[in-house]
Amino acid sequence: MKRPKEADEDFIWYVEHPEAFENYKGQHVAIWNKKVVDHGNTAKQAFDMAKKNYPRSKPTLAFIPKEEELILCIDYPKILLVTKTD
């Protein structure tokens, strides 16, 4: 598999800082510049609010599972998918 030229720093932050998402379990979050800039019940809601509040942002979207799940990343658009590990 070909490695991207540069890593998405927001994705790396997401993977390395699970404690930052404790308050967002069961929700979608928009991450920009290594912080959660918005959240919602759907990815679209989180994205729309992030773009409204940070028009120049290119947020990484993630769903924060209620339980431990496997995280998969799609290169573009920056959407993270999760699947249950049980």
C-alpha atoms as a PDB file:
ATOM      1  CA  MET A   1       0.000   0.000   0.000  1.00  0.00           C
ATOM      2  CA  LYS A   2       1.358   3.405  -0.978  1.00  0.00           C
ATOM      3  CA  ARG A   3       1.959   5.758   1.940  1.00  0.00           C
ATOM      4  CA  PRO A   4       0.606   9.313   1.625  1.00  0.00           C
ATOM      5  CA  LYS A   5       3.201  12.045   1.113  1.00  0.00           C
ATOM      6  CA  GLU A   6       2.214  13.735   4.342  1.00  0.00           C
ATOM      7  CA  ALA A   7       0.235  12.359   7.223  1.00  0.00           C
ATOM      8  CA  ASP A   8      -2.979  14.004   8.315  1.00  0.00           C
ATOM      9  CA  GLU A   9      -1.870  15.519  11.626  1.00  0.00           C
ATOM     10  CA  ASP A  10      -5.451  15.747  12.883  1.00  0.00           C
ATOM     11  CA  PHE A  11      -5.918  12.026  12.256  1.00  0.00           C
ATOM     12  CA  ILE A  12      -2.684  11.243  14.113  1.00  0.00           C
ATOM     13  CA  TRP A  13      -3.855  13.452  17.003  1.00  0.00           C
ATOM     14  CA  TYR A  14      -7.205  11.612  16.995  1.00  0.00           C
ATOM     15  CA  VAL A  15      -5.477   8.226  17.260  1.00  0.00           C
ATOM     16  CA  GLU A  16      -2.974   9.344  19.902  1.00  0.00           C
ATOM     17  CA  HIS A  17      -5.414  11.227  22.192  1.00  0.00           C
ATOM     18  CA  PRO A  18      -8.502   9.095  22.864  1.00  0.00           C
ATOM     19  CA  GLU A  19      -9.006  10.933  26.156  1.00  0.00           C
ATOM     20  CA  ALA A  20      -9.950  14.077  24.195  1.00  0.00           C
ATOM     21  CA  PHE A  21     -13.101  12.333  22.951  1.00  0.00           C
ATOM     22  CA  GLU A  22     -14.574  10.981  26.191  1.00  0.00           C
ATOM     23  CA  ASN A  23     -17.395  13.567  26.107  1.00  0.00           C
ATOM     24  CA  TYR A  24     -18.323  12.732  22.496  1.00  0.00           C
ATOM     25  CA  LYS A  25     -19.095   8.994  22.688  1.00  0.00           C
ATOM     26  CA  GLY A  26     -21.796   8.054  20.201  1.00  0.00           C
ATOM     27  CA  GLN A  27     -21.350  11.299  18.246  1.00  0.00           C
ATOM     28  CA  HIS A  28     -19.595  12.506  15.115  1.00  0.00           C
ATOM     29  CA  VAL A  29     -16.819  15.070  15.588  1.00  0.00           C
ATOM     30  CA  ALA A  30     -15.054  17.531  13.311  1.00  0.00           C
ATOM     31  CA  ILE A  31     -11.343  17.874  14.126  1.00  0.00           C
ATOM     32  CA  TRP A  32      -9.263  20.827  12.965  1.00  0.00           C
ATOM     33  CA  ASN A  33      -5.797  21.892  14.147  1.00  0.00           C
ATOM     34  CA  LYS A  34      -5.704  19.101  16.718  1.00  0.00           C
ATOM     35  CA  LYS A  35      -8.929  19.999  18.513  1.00  0.00           C
ATOM     36  CA  VAL A  36     -12.593  19.137  18.291  1.00  0.00           C
ATOM     37  CA  VAL A  37     -14.176  22.169  16.646  1.00  0.00           C
ATOM     38  CA  ASP A  38     -17.717  20.772  16.450  1.00  0.00           C
ATOM     39  CA  HIS A  39     -19.818  17.658  16.932  1.00  0.00           C
ATOM     40  CA  GLY A  40     -23.247  16.323  16.070  1.00  0.00           C
ATOM     41  CA  ASN A  41     -25.486  13.313  15.611  1.00  0.00           C
ATOM     42  CA  THR A  42     -24.378  12.944  11.975  1.00  0.00           C
ATOM     43  CA  ALA A  43     -21.117  13.527  10.116  1.00  0.00           C
ATOM     44  CA  LYS A  44     -22.874  16.100   7.948  1.00  0.00           C
ATOM     45  CA  GLN A  45     -24.054  18.024  10.993  1.00  0.00           C
ATOM     46  CA  ALA A  46     -20.545  18.069  12.500  1.00  0.00           C
ATOM     47  CA  PHE A  47     -19.007  19.080   9.156  1.00  0.00           C
ATOM     48  CA  ASP A  48     -21.568  21.815   8.433  1.00  0.00           C
ATOM     49  CA  MET A  49     -21.137  23.382  11.877  1.00  0.00           C
ATOM     50  CA  ALA A  50     -17.343  23.234  11.614  1.00  0.00           C
ATOM     51  CA  LYS A  51     -17.425  24.949   8.197  1.00  0.00           C
ATOM     52  CA  LYS A  52     -19.857  27.570   9.526  1.00  0.00           C
ATOM     53  CA  ASN A  53     -17.654  28.381  12.519  1.00  0.00           C
ATOM     54  CA  TYR A  54     -14.303  27.841  10.743  1.00  0.00           C
ATOM     55  CA  PRO A  55     -14.936  28.596   7.042  1.00  0.00           C
ATOM     56  CA  ARG A  56     -11.337  27.956   5.960  1.00  0.00           C
ATOM     57  CA  SER A  57     -11.084  24.657   7.801  1.00  0.00           C
ATOM     58  CA  LYS A  58     -10.666  21.255   6.190  1.00  0.00           C
ATOM     59  CA  PRO A  59     -11.894  19.192   9.124  1.00  0.00           C
ATOM     60  CA  THR A  60     -11.232  15.535   9.640  1.00  0.00           C
ATOM     61  CA  LEU A  61     -14.470  13.777  10.541  1.00  0.00           C
ATOM     62  CA  ALA A  62     -14.691  10.882  12.960  1.00  0.00           C
ATOM     63  CA  PHE A  63     -17.375   8.902  14.741  1.00  0.00           C
ATOM     64  CA  ILE A  64     -16.594   8.335  18.411  1.00  0.00           C
ATOM     65  CA  PRO A  65     -17.878   4.872  19.313  1.00  0.00           C
ATOM     66  CA  LYS A  66     -19.517   4.084  22.637  1.00  0.00           C
ATOM     67  CA  GLU A  67     -17.391   0.927  22.852  1.00  0.00           C
ATOM     68  CA  GLU A  68     -13.928   0.029  21.603  1.00  0.00           C
ATOM     69  CA  GLU A  69     -13.989  -0.376  17.835  1.00  0.00           C
ATOM     70  CA  LEU A  70     -11.557  -0.776  14.952  1.00  0.00           C
ATOM     71  CA  ILE A  71     -10.774   2.488  13.125  1.00  0.00           C
ATOM     72  CA  LEU A  72     -10.310   2.599   9.357  1.00  0.00           C
ATOM     73  CA  CYS A  73      -9.381   5.732   7.413  1.00  0.00           C
ATOM     74  CA  ILE A  74     -10.388   6.686   3.880  1.00  0.00           C
ATOM     75  CA  ASP A  75      -7.880   9.078   2.300  1.00  0.00           C
ATOM     76  CA  TYR A  76     -10.385  11.478   0.723  1.00  0.00           C
ATOM     77  CA  PRO A  77     -12.707  12.804   1.873  1.00  0.00           C
ATOM     78  CA  LYS A  78     -11.157  12.619   5.306  1.00  0.00           C
ATOM     79  CA  ILE A  79     -13.761  10.359   6.873  1.00  0.00           C
ATOM     80  CA  LEU A  80     -12.926   7.764   9.473  1.00  0.00           C
ATOM     81  CA  LEU A  81     -14.971   4.573   9.600  1.00  0.00           C
ATOM     82  CA  VAL A  82     -15.389   2.326  12.611  1.00  0.00           C
ATOM     83  CA  THR A  83     -16.354  -1.303  12.992  1.00  0.00           C
ATOM     84  CA  LYS A  84     -17.060  -3.192  16.205  1.00  0.00           C
ATOM     85  CA  THR A  85     -14.216  -5.481  17.316  1.00  0.00           C
ATOM     86  CA  ASP A  86     -16.289  -8.082  19.227  1.00  0.00           C
END
